[in-house]
C-alpha atoms as a PDB file:
ATOM      1  CA  UNK A   1       0.000   0.001  -0.001  1.00  0.00           C
ATOM      2  CA  UNK A   2       1.358   3.407  -0.981  1.00  0.00           C
ATOM      3  CA  UNK A   3       1.582   6.333   1.411  1.00  0.00           C
ATOM      4  CA  UNK A   4      -1.273   8.070  -0.425  1.00  0.00           C
ATOM      5  CA  UNK A   5      -3.474   4.979  -0.063  1.00  0.00           C
ATOM      6  CA  UNK A   6      -2.653   4.752   3.659  1.00  0.00           C
ATOM      7  CA  UNK A   7      -3.545   8.418   4.091  1.00  0.00           C
ATOM      8  CA  UNK A   8      -6.864   7.953   2.290  1.00  0.00           C
ATOM      9  CA  UNK A   9      -7.669   4.946   4.456  1.00  0.00           C
ATOM     10  CA  UNK A  10      -6.854   6.912   7.602  1.00  0.00           C
ATOM     11  CA  UNK A  11      -9.029   9.811   6.492  1.00  0.00           C
ATOM     12  CA  UNK A  12     -11.898   7.406   5.808  1.00  0.00           C
ATOM     13  CA  UNK A  13     -11.406   5.827   9.242  1.00  0.00           C
ATOM     14  CA  UNK A  14     -11.914   9.291  10.726  1.00  0.00           C
ATOM     15  CA  UNK A  15     -14.680  10.487   8.387  1.00  0.00           C
ATOM     16  CA  UNK A  16     -17.093   7.608   9.014  1.00  0.00           C
ATOM     17  CA  UNK A  17     -17.078   8.027  12.835  1.00  0.00           C
ATOM     18  CA  UNK A  18     -17.352  11.802  12.423  1.00  0.00           C
ATOM     19  CA  UNK A  19     -20.391  11.366  10.183  1.00  0.00           C
ATOM     20  CA  UNK A  20     -21.914   8.981  12.725  1.00  0.00           C
ATOM     21  CA  UNK A  21     -21.398  11.474  15.571  1.00  0.00           C
ATOM     22  CA  UNK A  22     -22.546  14.609  13.729  1.00  0.00           C
ATOM     23  CA  UNK A  23     -25.351  12.629  12.097  1.00  0.00           C
ATOM     24  CA  UNK A  24     -26.624  11.406  15.464  1.00  0.00           C
ATOM     25  CA  UNK A  25     -25.998  14.296  17.872  1.00  0.00           C
ATOM     26  CA  UNK A  26     -25.611  17.390  15.686  1.00  0.00           C
ATOM     27  CA  UNK A  27     -22.823  19.941  15.656  1.00  0.00           C
ATOM     28  CA  UNK A  28     -23.035  21.334  19.191  1.00  0.00           C
ATOM     29  CA  UNK A  29     -22.776  18.054  21.098  1.00  0.00           C
ATOM     30  CA  UNK A  30     -19.773  16.665  19.229  1.00  0.00           C
ATOM     31  CA  UNK A  31     -16.075  17.333  19.844  1.00  0.00           C
ATOM     32  CA  UNK A  32     -12.819  15.757  18.750  1.00  0.00           C
ATOM     33  CA  UNK A  33     -12.330  13.918  22.047  1.00  0.00           C
ATOM     34  CA  UNK A  34     -15.778  12.340  21.771  1.00  0.00           C
ATOM     35  CA  UNK A  35     -15.084  11.072  18.261  1.00  0.00           C
ATOM     36  CA  UNK A  36     -11.720   9.651  19.314  1.00  0.00           C
ATOM     37  CA  UNK A  37     -13.020   8.070  22.519  1.00  0.00           C
ATOM     38  CA  UNK A  38     -16.168   6.535  21.021  1.00  0.00           C
ATOM     39  CA  UNK A  39     -14.444   5.083  17.973  1.00  0.00           C
ATOM     40  CA  UNK A  40     -10.970   4.100  19.106  1.00  0.00           C
ATOM     41  CA  UNK A  41      -9.151   6.755  17.081  1.00  0.00           C
ATOM     42  CA  UNK A  42      -5.847   7.966  18.460  1.00  0.00           C
ATOM     43  CA  UNK A  43      -5.616  11.709  19.072  1.00  0.00           C
ATOM     44  CA  UNK A  44      -2.309  11.722  17.242  1.00  0.00           C
ATOM     45  CA  UNK A  45      -3.909  10.398  14.059  1.00  0.00           C
ATOM     46  CA  UNK A  46      -6.939  12.665  14.437  1.00  0.00           C
ATOM     47  CA  UNK A  47      -4.942  15.872  14.801  1.00  0.00           C
ATOM     48  CA  UNK A  48      -2.514  14.837  12.068  1.00  0.00           C
ATOM     49  CA  UNK A  49      -5.352  15.121   9.545  1.00  0.00           C
ATOM     50  CA  UNK A  50      -7.845  17.538  11.114  1.00  0.00           C
ATOM     51  CA  UNK A  51      -7.141  20.560  13.302  1.00  0.00           C
ATOM     52  CA  UNK A  52     -10.576  20.896  14.882  1.00  0.00           C
ATOM     53  CA  UNK A  53     -14.174  19.744  14.731  1.00  0.00           C
ATOM     54  CA  UNK A  54     -15.111  22.522  12.296  1.00  0.00           C
ATOM     55  CA  UNK A  55     -12.935  20.925   9.622  1.00  0.00           C
ATOM     56  CA  UNK A  56     -14.606  17.577  10.230  1.00  0.00           C
ATOM     57  CA  UNK A  57     -18.100  19.029  10.242  1.00  0.00           C
ATOM     58  CA  UNK A  58     -17.470  20.874   6.975  1.00  0.00           C
ATOM     59  CA  UNK A  59     -16.122  17.638   5.486  1.00  0.00           C
ATOM     60  CA  UNK A  60     -19.352  15.861   6.455  1.00  0.00           C
ATOM     61  CA  UNK A  61     -21.415  18.730   5.037  1.00  0.00           C
ATOM     62  CA  UNK A  62     -19.429  18.753   1.790  1.00  0.00           C
ATOM     63  CA  UNK A  63     -19.770  14.992   1.287  1.00  0.00           C
ATOM     64  CA  UNK A  64     -23.484  15.156   2.094  1.00  0.00           C
ATOM     65  CA  UNK A  65     -24.052  17.898  -0.480  1.00  0.00           C
ATOM     66  CA  UNK A  66     -21.988  16.018  -3.073  1.00  0.00           C
ATOM     67  CA  UNK A  67     -23.782  12.707  -2.586  1.00  0.00           C
ATOM     68  CA  UNK A  68     -27.197  14.359  -2.455  1.00  0.00           C
ATOM     69  CA  UNK A  69     -26.467  16.273  -5.657  1.00  0.00           C
ATOM     70  CA  UNK A  70     -25.385  13.098  -7.453  1.00  0.00           C
ATOM     71  CA  UNK A  71     -28.546  11.324  -6.259  1.00  0.00           C
ATOM     72  CA  UNK A  72     -30.832  14.186  -7.333  1.00  0.00           C
ATOM     73  CA  UNK A  73     -29.087  14.665 -10.678  1.00  0.00           C
ATOM     74  CA  UNK A  74     -29.410  10.965 -11.487  1.00  0.00           C
ATOM     75  CA  UNK A  75     -33.082  10.683 -10.559  1.00  0.00           C
ATOM     76  CA  UNK A  76     -34.134  14.030 -12.081  1.00  0.00           C
ATOM     77  CA  UNK A  77     -33.569  12.565 -15.524  1.00  0.00           C
ATOM     78  CA  UNK A  78     -36.795  10.570 -15.102  1.00  0.00           C
ATOM     79  CA  UNK A  79     -38.952  13.672 -14.494  1.00  0.00           C
ATOM     80  CA  UNK A  80     -38.761  15.245 -17.936  1.00  0.00           C
ATOM     81  CA  UNK A  81     -41.821  13.380 -19.243  1.00  0.00           C
ATOM     82  CA  UNK A  82     -44.080  14.161 -16.276  1.00  0.00           C
ATOM     83  CA  UNK A  83     -46.661  16.920 -16.024  1.00  0.00           C
ATOM     84  CA  UNK A  84     -45.649  19.953 -13.973  1.00  0.00           C
ATOM     85  CA  UNK A  85     -47.443  19.072 -10.711  1.00  0.00           C
ATOM     86  CA  UNK A  86     -46.096  15.505 -10.704  1.00  0.00           C
ATOM     87  CA  UNK A  87     -42.585  16.699 -11.565  1.00  0.00           C
ATOM     88  CA  UNK A  88     -42.575  19.190  -8.673  1.00  0.00           C
ATOM     89  CA  UNK A  89     -43.791  16.550  -6.229  1.00  0.00           C
ATOM     90  CA  UNK A  90     -41.239  14.005  -7.412  1.00  0.00           C
ATOM     91  CA  UNK A  91     -38.464  16.613  -7.318  1.00  0.00           C
ATOM     92  CA  UNK A  92     -39.183  17.218  -3.633  1.00  0.00           C
ATOM     93  CA  UNK A  93     -39.430  13.494  -2.943  1.00  0.00           C
ATOM     94  CA  UNK A  94     -36.100  12.623  -4.589  1.00  0.00           C
ATOM     95  CA  UNK A  95     -34.282  14.366  -1.748  1.00  0.00           C
ATOM     96  CA  UNK A  96     -36.488  12.713   0.871  1.00  0.00           C
ATOM     97  CA  UNK A  97     -35.720   9.308  -0.649  1.00  0.00           C
ATOM     98  CA  UNK A  98     -32.002  10.040  -0.280  1.00  0.00           C
ATOM     99  CA  UNK A  99     -32.424  10.904   3.388  1.00  0.00           C
ATOM    100  CA  UNK A 100     -34.543   7.819   4.003  1.00  0.00           C
ATOM    101  CA  UNK A 101     -31.537   5.807   2.823  1.00  0.00           C
ATOM    102  CA  UNK A 102     -28.984   7.995   4.670  1.00  0.00           C
ATOM    103  CA  UNK A 103     -30.512   9.199   7.969  1.00  0.00           C
ATOM    104  CA  UNK A 104     -27.196  10.378   9.427  1.00  0.00           C
ATOM    105  CA  UNK A 105     -26.632  12.658   6.467  1.00  0.00           C
ATOM    106  CA  UNK A 106     -30.161  13.991   6.952  1.00  0.00           C
ATOM    107  CA  UNK A 107     -29.193  15.418  10.356  1.00  0.00           C
ATOM    108  CA  UNK A 108     -25.925  16.791   8.957  1.00  0.00           C
ATOM    109  CA  UNK A 109     -27.914  18.492   6.193  1.00  0.00           C
ATOM    110  CA  UNK A 110     -30.440  19.937   8.637  1.00  0.00           C
ATOM    111  CA  UNK A 111     -27.691  21.130  10.986  1.00  0.00           C
ATOM    112  CA  UNK A 112     -25.987  22.886   8.079  1.00  0.00           C
ATOM    113  CA  UNK A 113     -29.114  24.380   6.510  1.00  0.00           C
ATOM    114  CA  UNK A 114     -31.404  25.115   9.457  1.00  0.00           C
ATOM    115  CA  UNK A 115     -29.034  25.508  12.425  1.00  0.00           C
ATOM    116  CA  UNK A 116     -25.637  26.415  10.963  1.00  0.00           C
ATOM    117  CA  UNK A 117     -22.882  27.546  13.322  1.00  0.00           C
ATOM    118  CA  UNK A 118     -22.655  31.277  12.624  1.00  0.00           C
ATOM    119  CA  UNK A 119     -18.915  31.219  12.058  1.00  0.00           C
ATOM    120  CA  UNK A 120     -19.310  28.504   9.403  1.00  0.00           C
ATOM    121  CA  UNK A 121     -22.361  29.898   7.597  1.00  0.00           C
ATOM    122  CA  UNK A 122     -20.417  31.428   4.687  1.00  0.00           C
ATOM    123  CA  UNK A 123     -18.388  28.250   4.111  1.00  0.00           C
ATOM    124  CA  UNK A 124     -21.538  26.126   4.206  1.00  0.00           C
ATOM    125  CA  UNK A 125     -23.207  28.341   1.609  1.00  0.00           C
ATOM    126  CA  UNK A 126     -20.150  28.046  -0.617  1.00  0.00           C
ATOM    127  CA  UNK A 127     -20.246  24.245  -0.318  1.00  0.00           C
ATOM    128  CA  UNK A 128     -23.963  24.267  -1.123  1.00  0.00           C
ATOM    129  CA  UNK A 129     -23.544  26.357  -4.282  1.00  0.00           C
ATOM    130  CA  UNK A 130     -23.406  23.434  -6.794  1.00  0.00           C
ATOM    131  CA  UNK A 131     -26.511  21.857  -5.203  1.00  0.00           C
ATOM    132  CA  UNK A 132     -28.331  25.178  -5.303  1.00  0.00           C
ATOM    133  CA  UNK A 133     -27.463  25.712  -8.978  1.00  0.00           C
ATOM    134  CA  UNK A 134     -28.873  22.277  -9.802  1.00  0.00           C
ATOM    135  CA  UNK A 135     -32.086  23.093  -7.926  1.00  0.00           C
ATOM    136  CA  UNK A 136     -32.403  26.472  -9.634  1.00  0.00           C
ATOM    137  CA  UNK A 137     -31.921  25.031 -13.109  1.00  0.00           C
ATOM    138  CA  UNK A 138     -34.566  22.388 -12.525  1.00  0.00           C
ATOM    139  CA  UNK A 139     -37.045  24.786 -10.887  1.00  0.00           C
ATOM    140  CA  UNK A 140     -36.568  27.392 -13.637  1.00  0.00           C
ATOM    141  CA  UNK A 141     -37.321  24.704 -16.230  1.00  0.00           C
ATOM    142  CA  UNK A 142     -40.513  23.806 -14.380  1.00  0.00           C
ATOM    143  CA  UNK A 143     -41.596  27.414 -14.034  1.00  0.00           C
ATOM    144  CA  UNK A 144     -41.344  27.893 -17.799  1.00  0.00           C
ATOM    145  CA  UNK A 145     -44.228  25.386 -18.078  1.00  0.00           C
ATOM    146  CA  UNK A 146     -46.329  26.692 -15.167  1.00  0.00           C
ATOM    147  CA  UNK A 147     -49.413  28.881 -15.639  1.00  0.00           C
ATOM    148  CA  UNK A 148     -48.324  31.430 -13.037  1.00  0.00           C
ATOM    149  CA  UNK A 149     -50.568  34.075 -11.531  1.00  0.00           C
ATOM    150  CA  UNK A 150     -50.114  37.335 -13.436  1.00  0.00           C
ATOM    151  CA  UNK A 151     -48.785  39.134 -10.323  1.00  0.00           C
ATOM    152  CA  UNK A 152     -45.930  36.664  -9.845  1.00  0.00           C
ATOM    153  CA  UNK A 153     -42.549  36.906 -11.522  1.00  0.00           C
ATOM    154  CA  UNK A 154     -40.607  33.701 -12.315  1.00  0.00           C
ATOM    155  CA  UNK A 155     -37.708  34.722 -10.047  1.00  0.00           C
ATOM    156  CA  UNK A 156     -40.133  35.133  -7.120  1.00  0.00           C
ATOM    157  CA  UNK A 157     -41.514  31.634  -7.668  1.00  0.00           C
ATOM    158  CA  UNK A 158     -37.983  30.220  -7.948  1.00  0.00           C
ATOM    159  CA  UNK A 159     -37.058  31.690  -4.548  1.00  0.00           C
ATOM    160  CA  UNK A 160     -40.328  30.433  -3.066  1.00  0.00           C
ATOM    161  CA  UNK A 161     -39.859  26.851  -4.238  1.00  0.00           C
ATOM    162  CA  UNK A 162     -36.207  26.889  -3.172  1.00  0.00           C
ATOM    163  CA  UNK A 163     -37.272  27.975   0.307  1.00  0.00           C
ATOM    164  CA  UNK A 164     -39.937  25.288   0.526  1.00  0.00           C
ATOM    165  CA  UNK A 165     -37.467  22.664  -0.683  1.00  0.00           C
ATOM    166  CA  UNK A 166     -34.958  23.447   2.062  1.00  0.00           C
ATOM    167  CA  UNK A 167     -37.647  23.291   4.788  1.00  0.00           C
ATOM    168  CA  UNK A 168     -39.748  20.476   3.400  1.00  0.00           C
ATOM    169  CA  UNK A 169     -38.748  17.658   5.770  1.00  0.00           C
ATOM    170  CA  UNK A 170     -39.476  19.832   8.803  1.00  0.00           C
ATOM    171  CA  UNK A 171     -42.809  20.803   7.253  1.00  0.00           C
ATOM    172  CA  UNK A 172     -43.745  17.123   6.926  1.00  0.00           C
ATOM    173  CA  UNK A 173     -42.948  16.435  10.577  1.00  0.00           C
ATOM    174  CA  UNK A 174     -44.778  19.558  11.780  1.00  0.00           C
ATOM    175  CA  UNK A 175     -47.805  18.760   9.600  1.00  0.00           C
ATOM    176  CA  UNK A 176     -47.978  15.334  11.233  1.00  0.00           C
ATOM    177  CA  UNK A 177     -48.124  16.863  14.707  1.00  0.00           C
ATOM    178  CA  UNK A 178     -44.407  16.735  15.388  1.00  0.00           C
ATOM    179  CA  UNK A 179     -44.034  13.021  14.668  1.00  0.00           C
ATOM    180  CA  UNK A 180     -42.027  11.501  11.807  1.00  0.00           C
ATOM    181  CA  UNK A 181     -43.911   9.498   9.211  1.00  0.00           C
ATOM    182  CA  UNK A 182     -44.485   5.866  10.249  1.00  0.00           C
ATOM    183  CA  UNK A 183     -43.273   4.555   6.910  1.00  0.00           C
ATOM    184  CA  UNK A 184     -42.323   5.721   3.451  1.00  0.00           C
ATOM    185  CA  UNK A 185     -45.864   5.360   2.103  1.00  0.00           C
ATOM    186  CA  UNK A 186     -47.181   7.634   4.880  1.00  0.00           C
ATOM    187  CA  UNK A 187     -44.498  10.191   4.086  1.00  0.00           C
ATOM    188  CA  UNK A 188     -45.460  10.168   0.396  1.00  0.00           C
ATOM    189  CA  UNK A 189     -49.100  10.706   1.280  1.00  0.00           C
ATOM    190  CA  UNK A 190     -48.265  13.599   3.609  1.00  0.00           C
ATOM    191  CA  UNK A 191     -45.919  15.125   1.041  1.00  0.00           C
ATOM    192  CA  UNK A 192     -48.659  14.965  -1.574  1.00  0.00           C
ATOM    193  CA  UNK A 193     -51.117  16.787   0.674  1.00  0.00           C
ATOM    194  CA  UNK A 194     -48.601  19.494   1.542  1.00  0.00           C
ATOM    195  CA  UNK A 195     -47.455  20.065  -2.027  1.00  0.00           C
ATOM    196  CA  UNK A 196     -51.034  20.255  -3.230  1.00  0.00           C
ATOM    197  CA  UNK A 197     -51.580  23.186  -0.850  1.00  0.00           C
ATOM    198  CA  UNK A 198     -48.159  24.726  -1.567  1.00  0.00           C
ATOM    199  CA  UNK A 199     -48.781  24.758  -5.326  1.00  0.00           C
ATOM    200  CA  UNK A 200     -52.509  25.425  -5.536  1.00  0.00           C
ATOM    201  CA  UNK A 201     -53.246  27.347  -2.324  1.00  0.00           C
ATOM    202  CA  UNK A 202     -55.982  26.835   0.259  1.00  0.00           C
ATOM    203  CA  UNK A 203     -58.518  29.578  -0.547  1.00  0.00           C
ATOM    204  CA  UNK A 204     -61.377  28.921  -2.935  1.00  0.00           C
ATOM    205  CA  UNK A 205     -61.335  31.409  -5.765  1.00  0.00           C
ATOM    206  CA  UNK A 206     -64.496  33.413  -6.178  1.00  0.00           C
ATOM    207  CA  UNK A 207     -66.400  32.638  -9.355  1.00  0.00           C
ATOM    208  CA  UNK A 208     -66.194  35.498 -11.824  1.00  0.00           C
ATOM    209  CA  UNK A 209     -69.380  37.560 -11.956  1.00  0.00           C
END
């Protein structure tokens, strides 16, 4: 094994425990000593590769964004033939499917997006930029096909859907009374109800005179 291969193996041996800790307890409750003590990592090896927990947290955030983007990009290819409402729903659900498969990365994502450490906020936004561009491109393509209200500009709707997308998992939990969905089918049903109201509103339009 070459030195580079040994270094990559050592980094992986640190990354996986870090992901487990941040993905279980969040940013605030994790420190370098906890990761070392809970996973049998020597402090010498830890500090040889990473200076502090911020570096490790940002690594977990970066990998989460990268893997989520690859997952979304792959599955978005199947949405081109769907009608607009179905494509929007499935776009939101692609991300939820990823987090169903990777629950630890779900908490890392939420920590980064909803509760970011203030001193890391700018770095997190920079790491998120490729994911955000992918979202914007897809949403802008959808909006081109949408019969928007005449008082809405496409850029307003793009920002709106982006905002909903980043908060969607928390919306599902809140809509269910603060409890996670019992299974994937229940989550799909809840997501469908929410997106129906998000896209089409809740007020009945008055019939024209």
